[in-house]
Protein backbone atom coordinates (compact mmCIF):
# COMPACT_ATOMS: atom_id res chain seq x y z
CA MET A 1 97.31 7.19 106.58
CA SER A 2 97.81 8.98 103.29
CA GLY A 3 95.34 10.98 101.26
CA ASN A 4 95.05 13.42 98.41
CA LEU A 5 96.33 16.96 99.03
CA PHE A 6 93.06 18.41 97.71
CA LYS A 7 90.95 17.08 100.54
CA TRP A 8 89.36 18.75 103.56
CA LEU A 9 91.62 18.60 106.62
CA ASP A 10 89.03 17.16 109.00
CA TYR A 11 91.60 15.36 111.11
CA CYS A 12 95.35 15.40 111.68
CA ASP A 13 97.56 12.33 111.63
CA ASP A 14 100.16 13.42 114.15
CA ILE A 15 100.43 15.94 117.02
CA ARG A 16 103.70 16.99 118.66
CA TYR A 17 103.96 19.11 121.80
CA TYR A 18 106.85 21.40 122.73
CA CYS A 19 107.05 22.84 126.24
CA ASP A 20 109.71 24.71 128.21
CA ASP A 21 110.09 22.01 130.82
CA GLU A 22 110.48 19.06 128.49
CA GLU A 23 110.33 18.18 124.82
CA ASP A 24 107.03 16.35 125.10
CA ARG A 25 103.46 17.16 125.92
CA GLY A 26 103.89 17.64 129.69
CA ASP A 27 100.32 18.18 130.90
CA ALA A 28 99.28 20.13 127.80
CA LYS A 29 96.01 19.03 126.22
CA VAL A 30 94.44 19.76 122.86
CA LYS A 31 90.82 19.48 121.78
CA PHE A 32 89.43 19.78 118.26
CA TYR A 33 85.89 20.64 117.24
CA SER A 34 84.90 20.40 113.59
CA HIS A 35 82.10 22.54 112.19
CA GLY A 36 81.63 21.98 108.50
CA GLU A 37 84.69 23.48 106.82
CA THR A 38 86.29 24.75 110.05
CA MET A 39 88.15 23.01 112.86
CA GLU A 40 88.66 24.78 116.19
CA MET A 41 91.77 23.98 118.19
CA TYR A 42 91.63 24.51 121.97
CA VAL A 43 94.71 24.25 124.18
CA THR A 44 95.14 24.11 127.94
CA ALA A 45 97.88 23.22 130.45
CA GLU A 46 98.10 23.35 134.23
CA LYS A 47 101.85 23.46 134.85
CA SER A 48 103.59 23.04 131.51
CA ARG A 49 104.72 26.20 129.74
CA VAL A 50 103.57 25.46 126.20
CA ARG A 51 105.76 26.83 123.40
CA LYS A 52 104.25 25.31 120.30
CA ILE A 53 102.20 22.44 118.99
CA GLU A 54 102.79 20.93 115.57
CA LEU A 55 100.09 19.20 113.56
CA ARG A 56 100.69 16.95 110.57
CA TRP A 57 98.29 15.94 107.82
CA LYS A 58 99.52 13.13 105.55
CA ARG A 59 98.45 14.13 102.07
CA LYS A 60 100.36 12.60 99.19
CA THR A 61 101.02 14.77 96.15
CA GLU A 62 101.78 12.94 92.92
CA HIS A 63 101.13 15.71 90.37
CA PRO A 64 102.78 19.10 89.77
CA VAL A 65 101.54 21.62 92.33
CA TYR A 66 102.36 25.29 92.83
CA VAL A 67 101.98 26.95 96.22
CA LEU A 68 101.53 30.56 97.40
CA GLY A 69 102.09 31.55 101.04
CA ASP A 70 101.71 34.76 103.02
CA SER A 71 103.99 36.77 105.36
CA TRP A 72 104.17 37.48 109.10
CA GLU A 73 103.72 41.21 108.47
CA ARG A 74 104.46 43.34 105.39
CA ALA A 75 105.54 41.54 102.24
CA CYS A 76 109.09 42.38 101.16
CA GLY A 77 108.98 41.45 97.49
CA ASN A 78 109.02 37.79 98.51
CA LEU A 79 105.49 36.60 97.67
CA SER A 80 105.22 34.20 94.74
CA TRP A 81 103.82 30.92 93.48
CA GLN A 82 106.50 28.23 93.84
CA PRO A 83 106.88 24.46 93.50
CA LEU A 84 106.47 22.32 96.59
CA ASN A 85 109.17 23.01 99.18
CA GLY A 86 108.83 21.55 102.65
CA ASP A 87 111.37 24.04 104.01
CA ARG A 88 109.32 27.05 102.94
CA ALA A 89 107.53 28.71 105.85
CA MET A 90 104.09 30.14 105.03
CA PRO A 91 102.54 32.22 107.83
CA TRP A 92 98.78 32.22 108.38
CA TYR A 93 97.63 30.53 105.15
CA PHE A 94 98.62 29.10 101.80
CA LEU A 95 97.04 28.27 98.45
CA ALA A 96 98.00 25.27 96.29
CA THR A 97 96.96 24.58 92.71
CA ASP A 98 97.40 21.85 90.14
CA GLY A 99 95.89 24.00 87.42
CA SER A 100 92.34 22.70 87.64
CA ARG A 101 91.81 22.96 91.40
CA THR A 102 92.93 25.43 94.05
CA LEU A 103 93.22 24.45 97.70
CA GLY A 104 93.16 27.03 100.47
CA VAL A 105 94.47 26.11 103.93
CA GLY A 106 94.79 28.58 106.79
CA VAL A 107 93.52 29.88 110.08
CA LYS A 108 90.83 32.44 110.63
CA THR A 109 91.88 35.96 111.56
CA GLY A 110 91.99 36.91 115.24
CA ALA A 111 93.81 33.78 116.40
CA SER A 112 95.39 33.48 119.86
CA SER A 113 98.54 31.98 118.38
CA TYR A 114 100.95 32.52 115.51
CA VAL A 115 100.35 29.78 112.94
CA CYS A 116 102.76 28.84 110.15
CA PHE A 117 102.39 26.16 107.48
CA SER A 118 104.65 24.12 105.27
CA CYS A 119 103.61 21.88 102.40
CA ASP A 120 105.68 19.04 100.94
CA ALA A 121 105.11 16.05 98.67
CA SER A 122 103.97 13.90 101.61
CA GLY A 123 101.76 16.30 103.50
CA ILE A 124 101.06 19.52 105.36
CA THR A 125 102.52 20.72 108.67
CA ALA A 126 101.10 23.48 110.86
CA SER A 127 103.16 25.03 113.65
CA VAL A 128 100.96 26.66 116.30
CA ASP A 129 103.17 29.07 118.27
CA LEU A 130 101.72 29.72 121.74
CA ARG A 131 104.73 31.39 123.32
CA CYS A 132 104.56 34.45 125.51
CA GLY A 133 107.38 36.25 123.73
CA GLY A 134 110.33 33.86 123.58
CA VAL A 135 109.22 31.42 126.29
CA GLY A 136 106.29 29.09 126.82
CA VAL A 137 103.02 30.60 127.99
CA ASP A 138 101.78 29.97 131.52
CA LEU A 139 98.12 29.09 130.95
CA SER A 140 97.62 27.91 134.57
CA GLY A 141 94.65 25.81 133.53
CA ARG A 142 93.10 28.42 131.21
CA GLU A 143 91.72 26.92 128.01
CA ILE A 144 92.16 29.08 124.92
CA LEU A 145 90.90 28.85 121.37
CA ALA A 146 94.38 28.77 119.84
CA CYS A 147 93.11 29.05 116.27
CA THR A 148 90.38 28.00 113.89
CA PHE A 149 91.59 26.07 110.86
CA PHE A 150 89.78 26.53 107.60
CA SER A 151 90.24 24.58 104.38
CA LYS A 152 88.40 24.69 101.07
CA VAL A 153 88.92 23.42 97.52
CA TYR A 154 87.82 25.56 94.57
CA TYR A 155 86.97 24.18 91.13
CA ASP A 156 86.48 25.88 87.77
CA ILE A 157 87.57 29.35 88.90
CA SER A 158 90.88 31.18 88.53
CA GLN A 159 93.51 30.98 91.24
CA PHE A 160 92.99 34.70 91.88
CA ASP A 161 89.24 34.33 92.34
CA ALA A 162 89.87 31.38 94.63
CA ALA A 163 92.31 33.46 96.68
CA LYS A 164 89.78 36.31 97.02
CA GLU A 165 86.98 33.97 98.08
CA PHE A 166 89.24 32.11 100.51
CA CYS A 167 90.45 35.31 102.21
CA ARG A 168 86.87 36.54 102.47
CA LEU A 169 85.98 33.38 104.41
CA LEU A 170 89.01 33.66 106.69
CA CYS A 171 87.80 36.93 108.25
CA ASP A 172 84.39 37.15 109.91
CA ASN A 173 84.60 40.77 111.10
CA PRO A 174 86.44 43.14 108.76
CA ILE A 175 85.97 46.88 109.21
CA LEU A 176 86.15 49.06 106.11
CA PRO A 177 86.15 52.81 105.52
CA LYS A 178 82.76 54.43 104.99
CA GLU A 179 84.14 56.04 101.84
CA PRO A 180 87.33 55.51 99.81
CA VAL A 181 90.53 56.78 101.44
CA TYR A 182 93.20 58.41 99.28
CA GLY A 183 95.49 61.45 99.32
CA GLY A 184 99.00 62.42 100.36
CA ASN A 185 101.73 61.27 102.71
CA ASN A 186 104.83 63.42 103.00
CA TRP A 187 107.35 60.70 103.98
CA TYR A 188 108.44 59.62 100.50
CA TYR A 189 109.90 62.95 99.57
CA ALA A 190 110.47 64.69 102.93
CA TYR A 191 111.76 61.62 104.81
CA GLY A 192 111.16 63.22 108.21
CA LYS A 193 112.38 66.72 107.34
CA SER A 194 109.32 68.92 107.37
CA SER A 195 107.66 71.86 109.13
CA TYR A 196 104.36 73.68 109.53
CA GLU A 197 105.00 75.73 106.38
CA GLU A 198 106.00 72.70 104.32
CA ILE A 199 103.12 70.49 105.45
CA MET A 200 100.65 73.27 104.70
CA ALA A 201 102.12 73.54 101.19
CA ASP A 202 101.72 69.76 100.85
CA ALA A 203 98.09 69.98 101.93
CA ARG A 204 97.34 72.79 99.48
CA LEU A 205 98.83 70.71 96.68
CA ILE A 206 96.75 67.66 97.62
CA ALA A 207 93.61 69.82 97.75
CA ARG A 208 94.39 71.17 94.28
CA LEU A 209 95.00 67.71 92.85
CA ALA A 210 91.65 66.54 94.25
CA GLY A 211 89.88 69.36 92.39
CA ASP A 212 86.15 69.24 92.97
CA ASN A 213 86.07 65.56 93.97
CA LYS A 214 83.12 65.12 96.31
CA ASN A 215 85.07 62.62 98.44
CA ARG A 216 87.89 64.72 99.90
CA PRO A 217 91.49 63.47 100.20
CA PHE A 218 93.60 62.93 103.30
CA MET A 219 96.96 64.51 104.00
CA VAL A 220 98.89 62.21 106.33
CA ILE A 221 101.68 63.84 108.35
CA ASP A 222 104.32 61.14 108.66
CA ASP A 223 107.34 60.86 110.96
CA GLY A 224 109.00 64.21 111.74
CA TRP A 225 106.22 66.17 113.44
CA GLN A 226 107.04 64.93 116.94
CA MET A 227 109.81 65.86 119.36
CA ASN A 228 112.19 63.01 118.45
CA PRO A 229 112.67 61.22 115.10
CA CYS A 230 110.79 57.90 114.99
CA ASP A 231 110.28 58.17 118.74
CA GLY A 232 108.03 59.71 121.39
CA PRO A 233 106.95 61.53 123.39
CA TRP A 234 104.07 62.11 121.00
CA LEU A 235 103.98 65.86 121.24
CA PRO A 236 104.72 68.37 118.45
CA ASN A 237 108.18 69.82 117.92
CA GLU A 238 108.81 73.54 117.46
CA ARG A 239 108.77 73.26 113.64
CA PHE A 240 105.11 72.17 113.68
CA GLY A 241 103.70 73.82 116.77
CA ASP A 242 99.95 73.63 117.39
CA MET A 243 98.69 70.35 115.88
CA LYS A 244 95.06 71.29 116.53
CA LYS A 245 95.61 74.40 114.41
CA ILE A 246 97.13 72.31 111.60
CA ALA A 247 94.21 69.87 111.60
CA SER A 248 91.74 72.75 111.53
CA GLU A 249 93.53 74.47 108.63
CA PHE A 250 93.65 71.21 106.68
CA LYS A 251 89.88 70.88 106.98
CA ALA A 252 89.34 74.50 105.97
CA MET A 253 91.10 73.89 102.66
CA GLY A 254 89.15 70.67 101.98
CA VAL A 255 91.76 68.15 103.12
CA ARG A 256 91.16 65.57 105.85
CA PRO A 257 93.97 65.44 108.46
CA GLY A 258 95.88 62.23 109.14
CA ILE A 259 98.94 61.56 111.29
CA TRP A 260 101.57 58.85 111.94
CA PHE A 261 102.88 57.58 115.27
CA ARG A 262 104.79 54.67 116.78
CA PRO A 263 102.86 53.59 119.88
CA LEU A 264 105.50 51.36 121.51
CA MET A 265 108.50 53.66 121.22
CA ASN A 266 109.04 56.40 123.79
CA THR A 267 112.63 56.35 125.01
CA ALA A 268 111.99 59.06 127.60
CA VAL A 269 109.35 56.91 129.30
CA GLN A 270 111.47 53.79 128.80
CA ALA A 271 114.42 55.42 130.59
CA GLU A 272 112.21 56.53 133.47
CA HIS A 273 110.34 53.21 133.76
CA PRO A 274 112.60 50.35 132.63
CA ASP A 275 110.15 47.89 134.23
CA TRP A 276 107.61 48.88 131.56
CA CYS A 277 109.88 47.61 128.79
CA LEU A 278 110.52 44.56 126.67
CA VAL A 279 114.23 43.82 126.18
CA ARG A 280 115.55 41.45 123.50
CA GLY A 281 119.29 41.76 122.89
CA ASN A 282 119.90 45.41 121.96
CA SER A 283 116.23 45.93 121.12
CA ARG A 284 113.96 47.67 123.61
CA CYS A 285 110.38 48.97 123.49
CA LEU A 286 107.36 49.50 125.70
CA ASP A 287 105.59 46.31 126.77
CA PRO A 288 101.98 46.41 125.45
CA SER A 289 100.83 43.97 128.13
CA HIS A 290 101.86 46.29 131.00
CA PRO A 291 98.87 48.19 132.51
CA GLU A 292 100.77 51.50 132.63
CA VAL A 293 101.80 51.19 128.99
CA LYS A 294 98.19 50.55 128.01
CA LYS A 295 97.20 53.74 129.83
CA LEU A 296 99.97 55.68 128.08
CA ILE A 297 98.95 54.46 124.61
CA LYS A 298 95.32 55.29 125.34
CA GLU A 299 96.34 58.82 126.38
CA ASP A 300 98.43 59.26 123.21
CA VAL A 301 95.55 58.23 120.95
CA GLU A 302 93.07 60.39 122.87
CA ARG A 303 95.41 63.40 122.53
CA ILE A 304 95.72 62.93 118.77
CA LYS A 305 91.96 62.55 118.54
CA SER A 306 91.43 65.76 120.52
CA TRP A 307 93.56 67.65 117.99
CA GLY A 308 90.96 66.86 115.34
CA PHE A 309 92.76 64.25 113.25
CA GLU A 310 90.52 61.89 111.30
CA LEU A 311 93.07 59.18 110.52
CA ILE A 312 95.87 57.62 112.58
CA LYS A 313 98.61 55.53 111.02
CA HIS A 314 100.34 53.43 113.69
CA ASP A 315 103.65 51.80 112.87
CA PHE A 316 106.33 49.32 113.98
CA THR A 317 104.18 47.25 116.35
CA ASN A 318 105.25 43.88 114.96
CA PHE A 319 108.94 44.82 114.88
CA ASP A 320 108.90 46.49 118.29
CA VAL A 321 107.19 43.53 119.94
CA ASN A 322 109.04 40.66 118.25
CA GLY A 323 112.39 42.30 117.47
CA SER A 324 112.63 41.37 113.77
CA TYR A 325 111.30 42.37 110.37
CA SER A 326 109.54 39.78 108.21
CA TYR A 327 112.50 39.46 105.80
CA ASP A 328 114.60 38.19 108.73
CA LEU A 329 111.97 35.67 109.84
CA LYS A 330 111.12 32.19 108.61
CA GLY A 331 108.81 29.84 110.48
CA SER A 332 109.07 31.66 113.81
CA ILE A 333 107.61 35.07 114.68
CA THR A 334 110.68 36.07 116.70
CA ASN A 335 114.37 35.22 116.47
CA PHE A 336 114.93 35.92 120.18
CA THR A 337 114.41 33.37 122.95
CA GLY A 338 114.27 33.66 126.73
CA TRP A 339 112.18 36.84 126.97
CA SER A 340 108.63 37.28 128.18
CA PHE A 341 105.90 39.90 128.31
CA TYR A 342 104.88 41.44 131.64
CA ASP A 343 101.65 39.43 131.41
CA ASN A 344 103.06 35.92 131.10
CA LYS A 345 99.61 34.33 131.25
CA LYS A 346 98.80 35.31 127.66
CA THR A 347 100.29 34.35 124.33
CA GLY A 348 102.16 36.92 122.27
CA ALA A 349 99.39 36.77 119.66
CA GLU A 350 96.75 37.58 122.28
CA ILE A 351 98.79 40.54 123.55
CA LEU A 352 99.40 42.04 120.10
CA ARG A 353 95.75 41.56 119.13
CA GLU A 354 94.66 43.33 122.31
CA LEU A 355 96.99 46.24 121.47
CA TYR A 356 95.28 46.70 118.10
CA LYS A 357 91.90 46.49 119.78
CA LEU A 358 92.88 49.13 122.37
CA ILE A 359 94.03 51.58 119.70
CA LYS A 360 90.91 51.12 117.58
CA GLU A 361 88.45 51.32 120.46
CA THR A 362 90.14 54.48 121.74
CA ALA A 363 90.19 56.02 118.26
CA GLY A 364 86.51 55.31 117.71
CA ASP A 365 85.35 56.73 114.35
CA ILE A 366 88.89 57.78 113.39
CA TYR A 367 90.23 55.62 110.57
CA ILE A 368 93.22 53.44 111.42
CA ILE A 369 96.00 52.48 109.03
CA GLY A 370 98.21 49.71 110.33
CA CYS A 371 101.83 49.59 109.18
CA ASN A 372 104.25 46.82 110.18
CA THR A 373 101.29 45.05 111.72
CA SER A 374 100.47 41.37 111.93
CA PRO A 375 97.84 41.00 109.15
CA HIS A 376 95.84 38.23 110.76
CA LEU A 377 95.79 39.91 114.18
CA CYS A 378 94.96 43.47 113.07
CA ALA A 379 92.05 42.45 110.82
CA GLY A 380 88.90 43.81 112.42
CA TYR A 381 90.86 46.61 114.15
CA VAL A 382 92.21 48.58 111.15
CA GLU A 383 90.29 49.92 108.20
CA ILE A 384 93.46 49.94 106.08
CA ASN A 385 96.65 47.90 106.31
CA ARG A 386 100.03 48.63 104.73
CA VAL A 387 100.68 45.26 103.12
CA GLY A 388 104.16 45.79 101.66
CA ASN A 389 107.56 47.07 102.67
CA ASP A 390 108.41 50.69 101.86
CA THR A 391 108.26 52.03 98.34
CA SER A 392 110.50 54.95 97.46
CA GLY A 393 110.76 58.40 95.94
CA LYS A 394 114.45 57.73 95.28
CA MET A 395 114.87 54.15 94.00
CA TRP A 396 112.47 52.70 91.45
CA ASN A 397 113.35 49.11 92.33
CA TYR A 398 111.68 49.53 95.74
CA ASN A 399 108.38 50.33 94.02
CA ARG A 400 108.65 47.37 91.67
CA LYS A 401 109.89 44.93 94.30
CA ASN A 402 107.88 45.97 97.36
CA GLY A 403 104.88 47.91 96.13
CA LEU A 404 103.95 46.00 93.00
CA ASN A 405 104.57 42.58 94.56
CA SER A 406 102.46 43.30 97.63
CA LEU A 407 99.66 44.82 95.53
CA ALA A 408 99.47 41.77 93.25
CA PHE A 409 99.79 39.04 95.85
CA ARG A 410 97.78 40.64 98.66
CA LEU A 411 95.06 42.18 96.53
CA CYS A 412 93.02 39.09 97.45
CA GLN A 413 92.87 40.45 101.03
CA ASP A 414 91.30 43.74 99.92
CA ASN A 415 87.75 44.15 101.28
CA ALA A 416 88.20 40.74 102.93
CA PHE A 417 90.47 41.62 105.89
CA TYR A 418 90.58 45.42 105.38
CA LYS A 419 91.51 47.78 102.53
CA VAL A 420 95.05 46.97 101.41
CA ASP A 421 97.57 49.79 101.08
CA ALA A 422 100.46 48.89 98.76
CA ASP A 423 102.18 52.18 99.69
CA CYS A 424 102.99 55.47 98.02
CA VAL A 425 103.93 56.95 94.72
CA GLY A 426 106.97 58.99 95.71
CA ILE A 427 107.85 61.96 93.48
CA LEU A 428 111.20 63.51 94.36
CA ASN A 429 112.97 65.70 91.79
CA ASP A 430 114.31 63.58 88.91
CA ASN A 431 115.11 60.44 90.92
CA ILE A 432 112.59 58.20 89.12
CA PRO A 433 111.61 58.64 85.45
CA TRP A 434 107.98 59.70 85.19
CA GLU A 435 107.43 57.09 82.45
CA LEU A 436 107.89 54.47 85.18
CA ASN A 437 106.28 56.26 88.11
CA ARG A 438 103.14 57.16 86.14
CA GLN A 439 102.62 53.41 85.52
CA TRP A 440 102.85 52.74 89.27
CA LEU A 441 100.40 55.62 89.76
CA ASP A 442 98.06 54.18 87.14
CA ILE A 443 97.88 50.63 88.51
CA LEU A 444 97.47 51.90 92.07
CA SER A 445 94.74 54.36 91.14
CA ARG A 446 92.79 51.69 89.23
CA SER A 447 93.38 48.78 91.61
CA GLY A 448 90.38 49.61 93.80
CA THR A 449 92.75 50.09 96.76
CA PRO A 450 93.85 53.34 98.49
CA LEU A 451 96.21 55.62 96.58
CA PHE A 452 98.69 57.82 98.46
CA VAL A 453 101.24 60.10 96.84
CA ALA A 454 104.22 62.00 98.22
CA VAL A 455 105.05 64.94 95.97
CA GLU A 456 107.93 67.35 96.38
CA PRO A 457 106.30 70.58 95.16
CA SER A 458 109.36 71.65 93.15
CA ALA A 459 109.32 68.34 91.26
CA MET A 460 105.84 68.89 89.83
CA THR A 461 105.47 69.28 86.07
CA PRO A 462 102.29 70.09 84.10
CA GLN A 463 102.15 66.46 82.86
CA MET A 464 102.51 65.10 86.39
CA GLU A 465 99.75 67.37 87.62
CA ARG A 466 97.37 66.21 84.89
CA ASP A 467 98.16 62.55 85.62
CA LEU A 468 97.80 62.99 89.38
CA LYS A 469 94.47 64.80 89.07
CA GLU A 470 93.08 62.00 86.91
CA ALA A 471 94.42 59.36 89.32
CA PHE A 472 92.80 61.15 92.27
CA ARG A 473 89.51 61.41 90.40
CA ILE A 474 89.51 57.68 89.72
CA ASN A 475 90.70 56.63 93.15
CA SER A 476 88.28 58.88 95.03
CA LEU A 477 85.64 56.37 93.92
CA GLN A 478 87.61 53.07 94.07
CA GLU A 479 85.05 51.31 91.90
CA ASP A 480 87.58 49.54 89.69
CA VAL A 481 88.24 45.80 89.75
CA ALA A 482 91.78 44.64 89.02
CA GLU A 483 93.39 41.22 88.69
CA PRO A 484 97.04 40.31 88.00
CA LEU A 485 97.12 37.95 85.01
CA ASP A 486 100.77 36.86 85.06
CA TRP A 487 101.17 36.42 88.81
CA MET A 488 101.58 32.65 88.53
CA TYR A 489 105.04 33.15 86.99
CA ASN A 490 105.96 36.79 87.64
CA THR A 491 106.69 38.29 91.06
CA GLY A 492 106.05 41.77 89.64
CA PRO A 493 103.02 41.28 87.39
CA GLN A 494 102.89 43.49 84.31
CA ASN A 495 99.74 42.10 82.69
CA TRP A 496 96.49 43.02 84.41
CA MET A 497 92.78 42.78 83.84
CA ILE A 498 91.12 46.02 84.90
CA ASN A 499 87.34 46.31 84.63
CA GLY A 500 87.33 43.46 82.12
CA GLN A 501 90.02 44.96 79.87
CA ARG A 502 93.60 43.73 79.54
CA CYS A 503 96.28 46.29 80.45
CA GLU A 504 99.98 45.79 79.88
CA TYR A 505 102.66 47.70 81.77
CA ASP A 506 106.44 47.80 81.46
CA PHE A 507 107.92 48.25 84.91
CA PHE A 508 111.50 47.77 83.66
CA MET A 509 111.97 49.85 80.49
CA ASP A 510 115.54 51.18 80.80
CA GLU A 511 115.66 50.76 84.59
CA TYR A 512 117.00 47.22 84.83
CA PRO A 513 117.57 45.50 88.18
CA GLU A 514 121.14 45.69 89.41
CA ILE A 515 122.86 42.32 89.52
CA LYS A 516 124.77 41.93 92.77
């Protein structure tokens, strides 16, 4: 059966089952329940280890269509509207437009599977990945709600407005900060080399830049405060000392304390308890499904909370669990096969979602920023999510490619899944011309999303200080409404509508991309 692409997906034309024991359905069973614009997909199996289930909707496309997909975790400068391409993998959801209509197809946040779409001239395919790591899941008769499909067609509104409305309907339970979050993060100038004296100087600078703003800024202590670089145990090194003292001194100067950690990396524990680990090739990390690891993570978060920190940024969970970054992934969440979590009765999506839930429930009122998280699985468990790959205080192209692209193409998720964090403005000596960096500062400050800056104190000039103070004043409110106007044909939009006024930027100037 064939049908128009811009039609509700209330049935699928073909279902294919993939199990560990055989390349057919085994004893796996699927049920669908339609409720208006949603369709729930339940999966069960007694003996078969289900790896994935593919669904196919036959929807003929006979007119020019452009399609926008999402990413498994952070965007890496790779989000864009493109012509139909059946080989293009689009995790979680996609949007398609013929100019007059915009179709949204995706799954609701909080799924128990990893879902990826492709769209070609003859139809739509959804791959529902139910694996427990790199092998099929052992459901042993348990029936799970694998995902809830959602599809909607929008008429007479812009593609950006359609994207915002669609994302809002994909997430039923977002959590958002009680007040706008903004401030400093020392990574993008210090890059892990810091100390008590230096972080206190950073905090004093952030307090000064915030002036008399009623809503006070955060100072986030990034990697480098703990005993081992990018690794646990999550205790302070001798350069930082008493973390409770640091948090208290931050508050005394009018700065809210935040801190970074990597919950699944603690090589000391991993060496002592190899049975607590996931191993994929040369990659190793703590297994979040292991009861002892859950206890350890809970203790780490409780310790940070007891120090008085008001924000925790957790990092690397998607990479540590699945062994790859999004730029190395296509239609599969992991490039490694043959490995399993300790709890082989649950899907990998269920296990990662439960990790995010554990961290948030332990943190309580402390704000959570997710970084290198799975966007659809962390929604509802993080107030803020880092939606793009790293920006830079050294190389301008990273800001244009990673920061600007993720801001433009994931701005539709802001206030729908969480607050989106497109990453920092890094200010490090004379590495990046201020004429360029101040534009990145301006669009971030007026985007309505969190603004973080990393400023090397010696790099500060009077002009920078004036610009930063104004940016902090604006972003402490986050009342602005921004929309990329040229995103249909530009991966780094330069034309924006901000509060109803057109704004034009030049993110290239004399800093042209290097041709390699």
